Amino acid sequence: MILAIDTSAGTSVALVAGGEVLASRDTADTMRHAEIVGPFIDEILTEAGIPAAEVTHVAAGMGPGPFTGLRVGIAAADAFAFGAGAVLLPMYSHGAIALEYLEDDRENNLIVTTDARRKEEFVSFYNGLDEAGCPILGHGPALQKPGEFCAMDSGAVHATEVHAAWLGVLAHRMLAAGHSFLPAEAVYLRSPDVTLSNGPKRVGQPRSEQTSGGQK
């Protein structure tokens, strides 16, 4: 029983059992991840009639995605897995997109891109699907200038939505095939703009070193 969560674009949550999607919720809204992800989880569990304790694995989309939105989904997945005693499965969000597009064309190649702004993009290249039906990652996800990576005779898709249903199906196939999962490290499009302070700035000499009228 796999709960899949991805907030690398909008917010998407799905429940997958035996490789079949039992329930899912999606929104392209990129501004309300924190307000939406909790209710979405509650809704799909209620719709499927599955208590949280029966969830055995939680598939977490690790990006690439923007810092603020992506960390909401990862935190939700981590918290749910801890509370339910489930196993956390970190996964590239691009993998779900690749599976969605390659499911009916398994031998094709596919380039998946995400806009990283500042005239750069994150790129992943997939060499079709393997025997278990999992996308074969050949390159990336890597940050580069548009057009730096070009594979001939390949399809291409620009990531604007990631559906957790496909993430959950992919997680099921990877588990069944014994494939390994990622370390629990997010792939952010950009580092956070907020940086830690180096402490108060020194604007003058210490009082003991100041002079007034030639005297210390």
N, C-alpha and C. Protein backbone atom coordinates (compact mmCIF):
# COMPACT_ATOMS: atom_id res chain seq x y z
N MET A 1 0.85 -1.18 0.00
CA MET A 1 0.00 0.00 0.00
C MET A 1 0.89 1.24 0.00
N ILE A 2 0.91 1.96 -1.09
CA ILE A 2 1.85 3.06 -1.26
C ILE A 2 1.11 4.40 -1.33
N LEU A 3 1.49 5.32 -0.45
CA LEU A 3 1.04 6.71 -0.54
C LEU A 3 2.11 7.49 -1.28
N ALA A 4 1.74 8.16 -2.36
CA ALA A 4 2.70 8.93 -3.17
C ALA A 4 2.39 10.42 -3.04
N ILE A 5 3.42 11.21 -2.83
CA ILE A 5 3.27 12.66 -2.65
C ILE A 5 4.31 13.38 -3.49
N ASP A 6 3.87 14.37 -4.27
CA ASP A 6 4.80 15.18 -5.04
C ASP A 6 4.33 16.63 -5.07
N THR A 7 5.23 17.54 -4.70
CA THR A 7 4.93 18.98 -4.74
C THR A 7 6.02 19.72 -5.52
N SER A 8 6.61 19.06 -6.50
CA SER A 8 7.67 19.69 -7.29
C SER A 8 7.12 20.69 -8.29
N ALA A 9 5.82 20.58 -8.60
CA ALA A 9 5.16 21.56 -9.47
C ALA A 9 3.94 22.08 -8.71
N GLY A 10 2.78 21.46 -8.95
CA GLY A 10 1.63 21.74 -8.10
C GLY A 10 1.68 20.83 -6.89
N THR A 11 0.52 20.35 -6.46
CA THR A 11 0.45 19.39 -5.36
C THR A 11 -0.32 18.18 -5.83
N SER A 12 0.26 17.00 -5.66
CA SER A 12 -0.36 15.77 -6.13
C SER A 12 -0.16 14.68 -5.10
N VAL A 13 -1.24 13.94 -4.81
CA VAL A 13 -1.21 12.86 -3.82
C VAL A 13 -2.00 11.69 -4.40
N ALA A 14 -1.51 10.47 -4.18
CA ALA A 14 -2.21 9.29 -4.70
C ALA A 14 -1.98 8.11 -3.77
N LEU A 15 -2.90 7.15 -3.82
CA LEU A 15 -2.79 5.91 -3.08
C LEU A 15 -2.78 4.77 -4.08
N VAL A 16 -1.74 3.93 -4.01
CA VAL A 16 -1.54 2.85 -4.98
C VAL A 16 -1.39 1.53 -4.24
N ALA A 17 -2.09 0.52 -4.69
CA ALA A 17 -1.98 -0.82 -4.12
C ALA A 17 -1.90 -1.83 -5.26
N GLY A 18 -0.91 -2.73 -5.21
CA GLY A 18 -0.76 -3.73 -6.25
C GLY A 18 -0.54 -3.13 -7.63
N GLY A 19 0.00 -1.93 -7.67
CA GLY A 19 0.25 -1.26 -8.94
C GLY A 19 -0.96 -0.56 -9.52
N GLU A 20 -2.09 -0.58 -8.80
CA GLU A 20 -3.31 0.08 -9.25
C GLU A 20 -3.59 1.31 -8.40
N VAL A 21 -4.06 2.38 -9.04
CA VAL A 21 -4.36 3.63 -8.33
C VAL A 21 -5.74 3.53 -7.70
N LEU A 22 -5.79 3.64 -6.38
CA LEU A 22 -7.06 3.57 -5.66
C LEU A 22 -7.75 4.93 -5.57
N ALA A 23 -6.96 5.98 -5.42
CA ALA A 23 -7.52 7.34 -5.31
C ALA A 23 -6.39 8.33 -5.54
N SER A 24 -6.73 9.53 -6.03
CA SER A 24 -5.71 10.55 -6.26
C SER A 24 -6.34 11.93 -6.22
N ARG A 25 -5.51 12.91 -5.93
CA ARG A 25 -5.90 14.31 -5.95
C ARG A 25 -4.76 15.11 -6.58
N ASP A 26 -5.10 16.07 -7.44
CA ASP A 26 -4.09 16.90 -8.10
C ASP A 26 -4.57 18.33 -8.21
N THR A 27 -3.65 19.27 -8.07
CA THR A 27 -3.92 20.65 -8.40
C THR A 27 -2.64 21.27 -8.96
N ALA A 28 -2.80 22.15 -9.95
CA ALA A 28 -1.65 22.83 -10.54
C ALA A 28 -1.26 24.08 -9.74
N ASP A 29 -2.00 24.39 -8.70
CA ASP A 29 -1.73 25.56 -7.86
C ASP A 29 -0.33 25.43 -7.25
N THR A 30 0.52 26.41 -7.49
CA THR A 30 1.90 26.38 -6.98
C THR A 30 2.10 27.26 -5.75
N MET A 31 1.01 27.75 -5.18
CA MET A 31 1.13 28.71 -4.08
C MET A 31 0.61 28.17 -2.75
N ARG A 32 -0.14 27.05 -2.74
CA ARG A 32 -0.78 26.62 -1.50
C ARG A 32 -0.46 25.16 -1.15
N HIS A 33 0.78 24.76 -1.35
CA HIS A 33 1.17 23.38 -1.05
C HIS A 33 0.84 23.00 0.39
N ALA A 34 1.24 23.85 1.32
CA ALA A 34 1.07 23.53 2.74
C ALA A 34 -0.40 23.43 3.14
N GLU A 35 -1.25 24.25 2.52
CA GLU A 35 -2.68 24.22 2.87
C GLU A 35 -3.40 23.02 2.24
N ILE A 36 -2.88 22.49 1.14
CA ILE A 36 -3.59 21.48 0.36
C ILE A 36 -3.14 20.06 0.65
N VAL A 37 -1.85 19.82 0.89
CA VAL A 37 -1.33 18.47 0.95
C VAL A 37 -1.98 17.63 2.05
N GLY A 38 -2.20 18.21 3.23
CA GLY A 38 -2.83 17.46 4.32
C GLY A 38 -4.25 17.03 4.01
N PRO A 39 -5.12 17.95 3.60
CA PRO A 39 -6.48 17.56 3.20
C PRO A 39 -6.51 16.55 2.07
N PHE A 40 -5.60 16.67 1.10
CA PHE A 40 -5.55 15.71 0.00
C PHE A 40 -5.28 14.29 0.52
N ILE A 41 -4.32 14.17 1.43
CA ILE A 41 -4.00 12.85 2.01
C ILE A 41 -5.21 12.28 2.72
N ASP A 42 -5.87 13.10 3.53
CA ASP A 42 -7.06 12.65 4.26
C ASP A 42 -8.16 12.22 3.30
N GLU A 43 -8.36 12.97 2.23
CA GLU A 43 -9.43 12.67 1.27
C GLU A 43 -9.21 11.35 0.55
N ILE A 44 -7.97 11.08 0.10
CA ILE A 44 -7.77 9.85 -0.65
C ILE A 44 -7.82 8.62 0.25
N LEU A 45 -7.37 8.74 1.50
CA LEU A 45 -7.48 7.62 2.43
C LEU A 45 -8.94 7.33 2.73
N THR A 46 -9.72 8.39 2.90
CA THR A 46 -11.15 8.22 3.17
C THR A 46 -11.86 7.62 1.96
N GLU A 47 -11.56 8.12 0.78
CA GLU A 47 -12.19 7.62 -0.44
C GLU A 47 -11.88 6.14 -0.66
N ALA A 48 -10.64 5.73 -0.39
CA ALA A 48 -10.25 4.34 -0.59
C ALA A 48 -10.64 3.44 0.58
N GLY A 49 -11.05 4.07 1.70
CA GLY A 49 -11.41 3.29 2.88
C GLY A 49 -10.21 2.61 3.52
N ILE A 50 -9.06 3.27 3.45
CA ILE A 50 -7.81 2.71 3.98
C ILE A 50 -7.33 3.53 5.17
N PRO A 51 -7.16 2.92 6.33
CA PRO A 51 -6.60 3.67 7.47
C PRO A 51 -5.11 3.92 7.26
N ALA A 52 -4.61 4.98 7.87
CA ALA A 52 -3.20 5.35 7.69
C ALA A 52 -2.26 4.22 8.10
N ALA A 53 -2.66 3.43 9.09
CA ALA A 53 -1.79 2.36 9.59
C ALA A 53 -1.56 1.26 8.55
N GLU A 54 -2.40 1.18 7.52
CA GLU A 54 -2.23 0.15 6.49
C GLU A 54 -1.29 0.57 5.37
N VAL A 55 -0.87 1.83 5.36
CA VAL A 55 0.10 2.30 4.36
C VAL A 55 1.47 1.74 4.72
N THR A 56 2.09 1.02 3.79
CA THR A 56 3.37 0.38 4.07
C THR A 56 4.56 1.19 3.56
N HIS A 57 4.33 2.00 2.51
CA HIS A 57 5.41 2.78 1.92
C HIS A 57 4.89 4.17 1.54
N VAL A 58 5.79 5.15 1.58
CA VAL A 58 5.46 6.50 1.15
C VAL A 58 6.48 6.93 0.10
N ALA A 59 6.00 7.10 -1.15
CA ALA A 59 6.86 7.56 -2.24
C ALA A 59 6.90 9.08 -2.22
N ALA A 60 8.10 9.64 -2.15
CA ALA A 60 8.26 11.09 -2.05
C ALA A 60 8.99 11.63 -3.27
N GLY A 61 8.34 12.53 -4.00
CA GLY A 61 9.00 13.19 -5.13
C GLY A 61 10.05 14.16 -4.62
N MET A 62 11.31 13.94 -4.99
CA MET A 62 12.42 14.74 -4.47
C MET A 62 12.87 15.83 -5.44
N GLY A 63 12.06 16.07 -6.48
CA GLY A 63 12.40 17.12 -7.43
C GLY A 63 13.06 16.55 -8.67
N PRO A 64 13.57 17.45 -9.50
CA PRO A 64 13.83 18.87 -9.23
C PRO A 64 12.56 19.70 -9.12
N GLY A 65 12.64 20.68 -8.21
CA GLY A 65 11.52 21.57 -7.98
C GLY A 65 11.96 22.77 -7.16
N PRO A 66 11.12 23.80 -7.05
CA PRO A 66 11.46 25.00 -6.28
C PRO A 66 11.55 24.69 -4.79
N PHE A 67 12.40 25.40 -4.10
CA PHE A 67 12.72 25.12 -2.70
C PHE A 67 11.47 25.10 -1.81
N THR A 68 10.69 26.17 -1.86
CA THR A 68 9.57 26.30 -0.92
C THR A 68 8.53 25.21 -1.12
N GLY A 69 8.09 25.01 -2.35
CA GLY A 69 7.05 24.03 -2.60
C GLY A 69 7.53 22.61 -2.39
N LEU A 70 8.72 22.29 -2.87
CA LEU A 70 9.22 20.93 -2.80
C LEU A 70 9.39 20.45 -1.37
N ARG A 71 9.91 21.30 -0.51
CA ARG A 71 10.16 20.85 0.87
C ARG A 71 8.86 20.57 1.62
N VAL A 72 7.73 21.19 1.22
CA VAL A 72 6.45 20.91 1.86
C VAL A 72 6.06 19.46 1.64
N GLY A 73 6.15 18.99 0.40
CA GLY A 73 5.79 17.61 0.10
C GLY A 73 6.72 16.61 0.75
N ILE A 74 8.02 16.91 0.75
CA ILE A 74 8.98 16.00 1.36
C ILE A 74 8.75 15.91 2.86
N ALA A 75 8.49 17.04 3.50
CA ALA A 75 8.21 17.04 4.93
C ALA A 75 6.94 16.26 5.24
N ALA A 76 5.91 16.43 4.41
CA ALA A 76 4.66 15.70 4.61
C ALA A 76 4.88 14.20 4.47
N ALA A 77 5.64 13.80 3.44
CA ALA A 77 5.92 12.38 3.23
C ALA A 77 6.72 11.80 4.38
N ASP A 78 7.72 12.53 4.83
CA ASP A 78 8.56 12.06 5.93
C ASP A 78 7.75 11.94 7.22
N ALA A 79 6.91 12.94 7.50
CA ALA A 79 6.11 12.91 8.72
C ALA A 79 5.09 11.78 8.70
N PHE A 80 4.43 11.57 7.54
CA PHE A 80 3.45 10.49 7.44
C PHE A 80 4.13 9.14 7.60
N ALA A 81 5.26 8.94 6.95
CA ALA A 81 5.97 7.67 7.05
C ALA A 81 6.37 7.38 8.49
N PHE A 82 6.85 8.40 9.19
CA PHE A 82 7.25 8.23 10.59
C PHE A 82 6.04 7.87 11.45
N GLY A 83 4.93 8.60 11.26
CA GLY A 83 3.75 8.36 12.08
C GLY A 83 3.09 7.02 11.81
N ALA A 84 3.11 6.57 10.55
CA ALA A 84 2.45 5.32 10.18
C ALA A 84 3.38 4.12 10.27
N GLY A 85 4.65 4.37 10.54
CA GLY A 85 5.61 3.27 10.57
C GLY A 85 5.86 2.71 9.18
N ALA A 86 5.73 3.57 8.16
CA ALA A 86 5.92 3.15 6.77
C ALA A 86 7.35 3.45 6.32
N VAL A 87 7.73 2.86 5.20
CA VAL A 87 9.06 3.05 4.64
C VAL A 87 9.03 4.21 3.64
N LEU A 88 9.94 5.16 3.80
CA LEU A 88 10.02 6.30 2.89
C LEU A 88 10.81 5.91 1.65
N LEU A 89 10.26 6.23 0.46
CA LEU A 89 10.89 5.91 -0.82
C LEU A 89 11.17 7.20 -1.58
N PRO A 90 12.37 7.78 -1.45
CA PRO A 90 12.70 9.00 -2.20
C PRO A 90 12.89 8.69 -3.69
N MET A 91 12.29 9.53 -4.56
CA MET A 91 12.31 9.28 -6.00
C MET A 91 12.42 10.58 -6.77
N TYR A 92 13.05 10.53 -7.95
CA TYR A 92 13.06 11.70 -8.81
C TYR A 92 11.65 11.95 -9.36
N SER A 93 11.21 13.18 -9.30
CA SER A 93 9.90 13.54 -9.87
C SER A 93 9.87 13.33 -11.38
N HIS A 94 11.01 13.54 -12.03
CA HIS A 94 11.08 13.34 -13.48
C HIS A 94 10.75 11.90 -13.87
N GLY A 95 11.01 10.96 -12.97
CA GLY A 95 10.74 9.56 -13.27
C GLY A 95 9.26 9.30 -13.48
N ALA A 96 8.41 9.97 -12.70
CA ALA A 96 6.97 9.82 -12.86
C ALA A 96 6.51 10.35 -14.20
N ILE A 97 7.08 11.49 -14.62
CA ILE A 97 6.74 12.05 -15.93
C ILE A 97 7.18 11.12 -17.04
N ALA A 98 8.38 10.57 -16.91
CA ALA A 98 8.90 9.65 -17.93
C ALA A 98 8.00 8.42 -18.07
N LEU A 99 7.57 7.86 -16.94
CA LEU A 99 6.71 6.68 -17.00
C LEU A 99 5.38 7.00 -17.67
N GLU A 100 4.81 8.16 -17.35
CA GLU A 100 3.53 8.54 -17.94
C GLU A 100 3.63 8.61 -19.47
N TYR A 101 4.74 9.14 -19.97
CA TYR A 101 4.88 9.34 -21.41
C TYR A 101 5.41 8.11 -22.14
N LEU A 102 6.13 7.24 -21.43
CA LEU A 102 6.72 6.08 -22.08
C LEU A 102 5.90 4.80 -21.91
N GLU A 103 4.87 4.84 -21.11
CA GLU A 103 4.09 3.63 -20.83
C GLU A 103 3.56 2.98 -22.11
N ASP A 104 3.17 3.78 -23.07
CA ASP A 104 2.63 3.24 -24.32
C ASP A 104 3.65 3.24 -25.47
N ASP A 105 4.89 3.57 -25.14
CA ASP A 105 5.95 3.60 -26.16
C ASP A 105 7.26 3.26 -25.47
N ARG A 106 7.37 2.05 -25.00
CA ARG A 106 8.40 1.66 -24.04
C ARG A 106 9.83 1.71 -24.57
N GLU A 107 10.02 1.67 -25.87
CA GLU A 107 11.37 1.65 -26.41
C GLU A 107 11.85 3.02 -26.86
N ASN A 108 11.01 4.02 -26.70
CA ASN A 108 11.38 5.37 -27.11
C ASN A 108 12.32 6.00 -26.09
N ASN A 109 13.04 7.03 -26.50
CA ASN A 109 13.85 7.84 -25.60
C ASN A 109 13.08 9.11 -25.27
N LEU A 110 13.35 9.66 -24.09
CA LEU A 110 12.60 10.85 -23.67
C LEU A 110 13.49 11.81 -22.90
N ILE A 111 13.38 13.09 -23.24
CA ILE A 111 14.04 14.15 -22.50
C ILE A 111 12.99 14.89 -21.67
N VAL A 112 13.21 14.99 -20.36
CA VAL A 112 12.31 15.72 -19.47
C VAL A 112 13.04 16.95 -18.95
N THR A 113 12.42 18.12 -19.08
CA THR A 113 13.05 19.36 -18.63
C THR A 113 12.17 20.09 -17.62
N THR A 114 12.83 20.80 -16.72
CA THR A 114 12.15 21.69 -15.77
C THR A 114 12.84 23.04 -15.81
N ASP A 115 12.08 24.10 -15.96
CA ASP A 115 12.64 25.45 -16.03
C ASP A 115 13.26 25.83 -14.69
N ALA A 116 14.56 26.12 -14.69
CA ALA A 116 15.25 26.55 -13.47
C ALA A 116 15.45 28.06 -13.45
N ARG A 117 14.94 28.75 -14.48
CA ARG A 117 15.07 30.21 -14.61
C ARG A 117 16.54 30.60 -14.77
N ARG A 118 16.78 31.89 -14.87
CA ARG A 118 18.13 32.41 -15.13
C ARG A 118 18.74 31.73 -16.36
N LYS A 119 17.88 31.45 -17.36
CA LYS A 119 18.31 30.86 -18.62
C LYS A 119 18.97 29.50 -18.42
N GLU A 120 18.47 28.73 -17.45
CA GLU A 120 18.95 27.37 -17.22
C GLU A 120 17.76 26.44 -17.04
N GLU A 121 18.02 25.14 -17.13
CA GLU A 121 16.98 24.15 -16.94
C GLU A 121 17.58 22.87 -16.36
N PHE A 122 16.73 22.11 -15.65
CA PHE A 122 17.11 20.78 -15.21
C PHE A 122 16.67 19.79 -16.28
N VAL A 123 17.57 18.91 -16.66
CA VAL A 123 17.31 17.97 -17.74
C VAL A 123 17.56 16.54 -17.28
N SER A 124 16.62 15.63 -17.62
CA SER A 124 16.81 14.19 -17.42
C SER A 124 16.54 13.49 -18.74
N PHE A 125 17.37 12.50 -19.06
CA PHE A 125 17.20 11.74 -20.30
C PHE A 125 16.96 10.27 -19.96
N TYR A 126 15.90 9.70 -20.54
CA TYR A 126 15.53 8.31 -20.26
C TYR A 126 15.61 7.47 -21.54
N ASN A 127 16.21 6.28 -21.38
CA ASN A 127 16.37 5.33 -22.48
C ASN A 127 15.24 4.30 -22.43
N GLY A 128 14.00 4.73 -22.61
CA GLY A 128 12.88 3.81 -22.60
C GLY A 128 12.62 3.21 -21.23
N LEU A 129 11.88 2.09 -21.20
CA LEU A 129 11.56 1.38 -19.96
C LEU A 129 12.29 0.04 -19.92
N ASP A 130 12.63 -0.41 -18.72
CA ASP A 130 13.27 -1.71 -18.58
C ASP A 130 12.22 -2.82 -18.54
N GLU A 131 12.63 -4.06 -18.30
CA GLU A 131 11.72 -5.19 -18.32
C GLU A 131 10.65 -5.11 -17.24
N ALA A 132 10.94 -4.36 -16.16
CA ALA A 132 9.98 -4.21 -15.07
C ALA A 132 9.03 -3.04 -15.32
N GLY A 133 9.24 -2.32 -16.44
CA GLY A 133 8.38 -1.18 -16.74
C GLY A 133 8.81 0.09 -16.05
N CYS A 134 10.09 0.18 -15.68
CA CYS A 134 10.62 1.37 -15.01
C CYS A 134 11.49 2.17 -15.98
N PRO A 135 11.38 3.51 -15.99
CA PRO A 135 12.21 4.33 -16.87
C PRO A 135 13.70 4.12 -16.58
N ILE A 136 14.49 4.03 -17.65
CA ILE A 136 15.94 3.84 -17.52
C ILE A 136 16.61 5.21 -17.62
N LEU A 137 17.12 5.70 -16.51
CA LEU A 137 17.74 7.02 -16.48
C LEU A 137 19.14 6.96 -17.08
N GLY A 138 19.35 7.72 -18.15
CA GLY A 138 20.65 7.74 -18.80
C GLY A 138 21.46 8.98 -18.50
N HIS A 139 20.79 10.05 -18.08
CA HIS A 139 21.48 11.33 -17.87
C HIS A 139 20.63 12.19 -16.93
N GLY A 140 21.29 12.81 -15.94
CA GLY A 140 20.62 13.77 -15.08
C GLY A 140 19.97 13.17 -13.85
N PRO A 141 19.10 13.98 -13.19
CA PRO A 141 18.78 15.36 -13.56
C PRO A 141 19.98 16.28 -13.35
N ALA A 142 20.25 17.10 -14.37
CA ALA A 142 21.42 17.97 -14.36
C ALA A 142 21.02 19.38 -14.74
N LEU A 143 21.64 20.37 -14.09
CA LEU A 143 21.38 21.77 -14.37
C LEU A 143 22.27 22.23 -15.52
N GLN A 144 21.68 22.81 -16.54
CA GLN A 144 22.46 23.24 -17.70
C GLN A 144 21.71 24.28 -18.51
N LYS A 145 22.39 24.82 -19.49
CA LYS A 145 21.77 25.78 -20.40
C LYS A 145 20.85 25.04 -21.38
N PRO A 146 19.75 25.67 -21.79
CA PRO A 146 18.86 25.02 -22.75
C PRO A 146 19.62 24.60 -24.01
N GLY A 147 19.39 23.37 -24.43
CA GLY A 147 20.02 22.88 -25.65
C GLY A 147 21.39 22.27 -25.47
N GLU A 148 21.98 22.34 -24.25
CA GLU A 148 23.31 21.76 -24.05
C GLU A 148 23.28 20.24 -24.18
N PHE A 149 22.18 19.63 -23.74
CA PHE A 149 22.04 18.19 -23.91
C PHE A 149 20.99 17.93 -24.97
N CYS A 150 21.39 17.26 -26.02
CA CYS A 150 20.47 16.99 -27.13
C CYS A 150 20.65 15.55 -27.57
N ALA A 151 19.59 14.76 -27.46
CA ALA A 151 19.63 13.37 -27.89
C ALA A 151 18.79 13.21 -29.15
N MET A 152 19.38 12.65 -30.16
CA MET A 152 18.67 12.48 -31.43
C MET A 152 17.57 11.43 -31.30
N ASP A 153 16.53 11.60 -32.10
CA ASP A 153 15.41 10.64 -32.14
C ASP A 153 14.80 10.43 -30.75
N SER A 154 14.60 11.52 -30.03
CA SER A 154 14.03 11.44 -28.69
C SER A 154 12.79 12.31 -28.59
N GLY A 155 11.84 11.87 -27.80
CA GLY A 155 10.72 12.73 -27.46
C GLY A 155 11.16 13.73 -26.40
N ALA A 156 10.36 14.74 -26.18
CA ALA A 156 10.69 15.75 -25.18
C ALA A 156 9.42 16.24 -24.51
N VAL A 157 9.50 16.47 -23.19
CA VAL A 157 8.36 17.01 -22.46
C VAL A 157 8.88 18.00 -21.42
N HIS A 158 8.23 19.14 -21.33
CA HIS A 158 8.57 20.15 -20.33
C HIS A 158 7.68 19.95 -19.12
N ALA A 159 8.28 19.75 -17.96
CA ALA A 159 7.54 19.41 -16.75
C ALA A 159 6.80 20.62 -16.19
N THR A 160 5.48 20.60 -16.27
CA THR A 160 4.66 21.61 -15.63
C THR A 160 3.77 21.00 -14.56
N GLU A 161 3.53 19.68 -14.65
CA GLU A 161 2.77 18.95 -13.63
C GLU A 161 3.41 17.58 -13.42
N VAL A 162 3.39 17.12 -12.19
CA VAL A 162 3.86 15.77 -11.86
C VAL A 162 2.71 15.07 -11.14
N HIS A 163 2.26 13.95 -11.68
CA HIS A 163 1.14 13.24 -11.10
C HIS A 163 1.64 12.14 -10.16
N ALA A 164 1.23 12.24 -8.89
CA ALA A 164 1.67 11.29 -7.88
C ALA A 164 1.19 9.87 -8.19
N ALA A 165 0.11 9.74 -8.95
CA ALA A 165 -0.36 8.41 -9.33
C ALA A 165 0.74 7.64 -10.07
N TRP A 166 1.42 8.32 -11.00
CA TRP A 166 2.50 7.67 -11.74
C TRP A 166 3.71 7.44 -10.85
N LEU A 167 3.93 8.33 -9.90
CA LEU A 167 5.03 8.15 -8.95
C LEU A 167 4.78 6.89 -8.12
N GLY A 168 3.52 6.69 -7.68
CA GLY A 168 3.18 5.52 -6.90
C GLY A 168 3.28 4.23 -7.70
N VAL A 169 2.82 4.26 -8.94
CA VAL A 169 2.93 3.09 -9.81
C VAL A 169 4.40 2.73 -10.04
N LEU A 170 5.22 3.76 -10.27
CA LEU A 170 6.65 3.52 -10.46
C LEU A 170 7.28 2.94 -9.20
N ALA A 171 6.91 3.46 -8.04
CA ALA A 171 7.43 2.94 -6.78
C ALA A 171 7.09 1.46 -6.63
N HIS A 172 5.85 1.09 -6.96
CA HIS A 172 5.43 -0.32 -6.89
C HIS A 172 6.29 -1.19 -7.80
N ARG A 173 6.53 -0.75 -9.02
CA ARG A 173 7.33 -1.53 -9.96
C ARG A 173 8.78 -1.64 -9.50
N MET A 174 9.31 -0.56 -8.96
CA MET A 174 10.70 -0.58 -8.48
C MET A 174 10.85 -1.53 -7.30
N LEU A 175 9.88 -1.53 -6.39
CA LEU A 175 9.91 -2.45 -5.26
C LEU A 175 9.84 -3.90 -5.74
N ALA A 176 8.93 -4.16 -6.67
CA ALA A 176 8.76 -5.52 -7.17
C ALA A 176 10.01 -6.03 -7.89
N ALA A 177 10.71 -5.11 -8.55
CA ALA A 177 11.91 -5.49 -9.31
C ALA A 177 13.17 -5.45 -8.46
N GLY A 178 13.07 -4.97 -7.22
CA GLY A 178 14.24 -4.89 -6.36
C GLY A 178 15.17 -3.74 -6.70
N HIS A 179 14.63 -2.72 -7.38
CA HIS A 179 15.46 -1.56 -7.72
C HIS A 179 15.74 -0.72 -6.47
N SER A 180 16.86 -0.03 -6.48
CA SER A 180 17.22 0.84 -5.36
C SER A 180 16.55 2.20 -5.50
N PHE A 181 16.42 2.89 -4.36
CA PHE A 181 15.82 4.22 -4.33
C PHE A 181 16.89 5.26 -3.98
N LEU A 182 16.52 6.52 -4.11
CA LEU A 182 17.46 7.62 -3.90
C LEU A 182 17.77 7.83 -2.41
N PRO A 183 18.88 8.48 -2.11
CA PRO A 183 19.06 9.03 -0.77
C PRO A 183 18.00 10.11 -0.54
N ALA A 184 17.69 10.38 0.70
CA ALA A 184 16.65 11.38 1.01
C ALA A 184 17.21 12.79 0.89
N GLU A 185 17.58 13.18 -0.33
CA GLU A 185 18.13 14.50 -0.59
C GLU A 185 17.34 15.17 -1.71
N ALA A 186 16.79 16.33 -1.43
CA ALA A 186 15.98 17.04 -2.41
C ALA A 186 16.86 17.62 -3.53
N VAL A 187 16.28 17.70 -4.72
CA VAL A 187 16.96 18.34 -5.86
C VAL A 187 16.24 19.66 -6.11
N TYR A 188 16.78 20.74 -5.55
CA TYR A 188 16.16 22.05 -5.67
C TYR A 188 16.59 22.73 -6.97
N LEU A 189 15.65 23.45 -7.59
CA LEU A 189 16.00 24.22 -8.78
C LEU A 189 17.01 25.29 -8.46
N ARG A 190 16.85 25.89 -7.31
CA ARG A 190 17.76 26.93 -6.84
C ARG A 190 17.94 26.81 -5.35
N SER A 191 19.10 27.25 -4.86
CA SER A 191 19.29 27.31 -3.42
C SER A 191 18.36 28.36 -2.84
N PRO A 192 17.95 28.22 -1.55
CA PRO A 192 17.08 29.24 -0.96
C PRO A 192 17.73 30.61 -0.97
N ASP A 193 16.90 31.64 -1.16
CA ASP A 193 17.43 33.00 -1.20
C ASP A 193 17.90 33.48 0.17
N VAL A 194 17.34 32.91 1.24
CA VAL A 194 17.70 33.34 2.59
C VAL A 194 19.01 32.68 2.98
N THR A 195 19.95 33.46 3.49
CA THR A 195 21.23 32.93 3.96
C THR A 195 21.45 33.33 5.40
N LEU A 196 22.23 32.52 6.12
CA LEU A 196 22.50 32.81 7.51
C LEU A 196 23.42 34.02 7.64
N SER A 197 23.17 34.81 8.67
CA SER A 197 24.00 35.99 8.93
C SER A 197 25.35 35.57 9.47
N ASN A 198 26.37 36.36 9.16
CA ASN A 198 27.71 36.14 9.71
C ASN A 198 27.91 36.87 11.03
N GLY A 199 26.84 37.39 11.58
CA GLY A 199 26.94 38.13 12.83
C GLY A 199 26.89 39.63 12.60
N PRO A 200 26.81 40.42 13.68
CA PRO A 200 26.73 41.88 13.54
C PRO A 200 27.98 42.45 12.89
N LYS A 201 27.78 43.44 12.03
CA LYS A 201 28.90 44.07 11.35
C LYS A 201 29.62 45.03 12.30
N ARG A 202 30.93 45.09 12.15
CA ARG A 202 31.74 46.02 12.94
C ARG A 202 31.81 47.33 12.20
N VAL A 203 31.23 48.39 12.79
CA VAL A 203 31.13 49.66 12.09
C VAL A 203 32.19 50.67 12.52
N GLY A 204 32.97 50.34 13.52
CA GLY A 204 34.00 51.29 13.96
C GLY A 204 34.99 50.62 14.88
N GLN A 205 35.93 51.36 15.41
CA GLN A 205 36.91 50.83 16.34
C GLN A 205 36.28 50.62 17.71
N PRO A 206 36.81 49.68 18.50
CA PRO A 206 36.35 49.56 19.88
C PRO A 206 36.54 50.87 20.61
N ARG A 207 35.70 51.11 21.63
CA ARG A 207 35.73 52.37 22.35
C ARG A 207 37.11 52.66 22.92
N SER A 208 37.81 51.60 23.37
CA SER A 208 39.12 51.83 24.01
C SER A 208 40.15 52.35 23.03
N GLU A 209 39.89 52.14 21.70
CA GLU A 209 40.84 52.58 20.70
C GLU A 209 40.49 53.93 20.12
N GLN A 210 39.27 54.44 20.46
CA GLN A 210 38.87 55.72 19.93
C GLN A 210 39.60 56.84 20.68
N THR A 211 39.88 57.91 19.98
CA THR A 211 40.56 59.05 20.61
C THR A 211 39.71 60.28 20.50
N SER A 212 39.85 61.13 21.44
CA SER A 212 39.12 62.41 21.42
C SER A 212 40.05 63.47 21.96
N GLY A 213 40.38 64.41 21.12
CA GLY A 213 41.27 65.50 21.52
C GLY A 213 42.67 65.01 21.87
N GLY A 214 43.09 63.87 21.21
CA GLY A 214 44.44 63.35 21.47
C GLY A 214 44.49 62.43 22.64
N GLN A 215 43.38 62.24 23.41
CA GLN A 215 43.38 61.36 24.58
C GLN A 215 42.59 60.11 24.28
N LYS A 216 43.03 58.97 24.93
CA LYS A 216 42.29 57.73 24.81
C LYS A 216 41.25 57.67 25.90
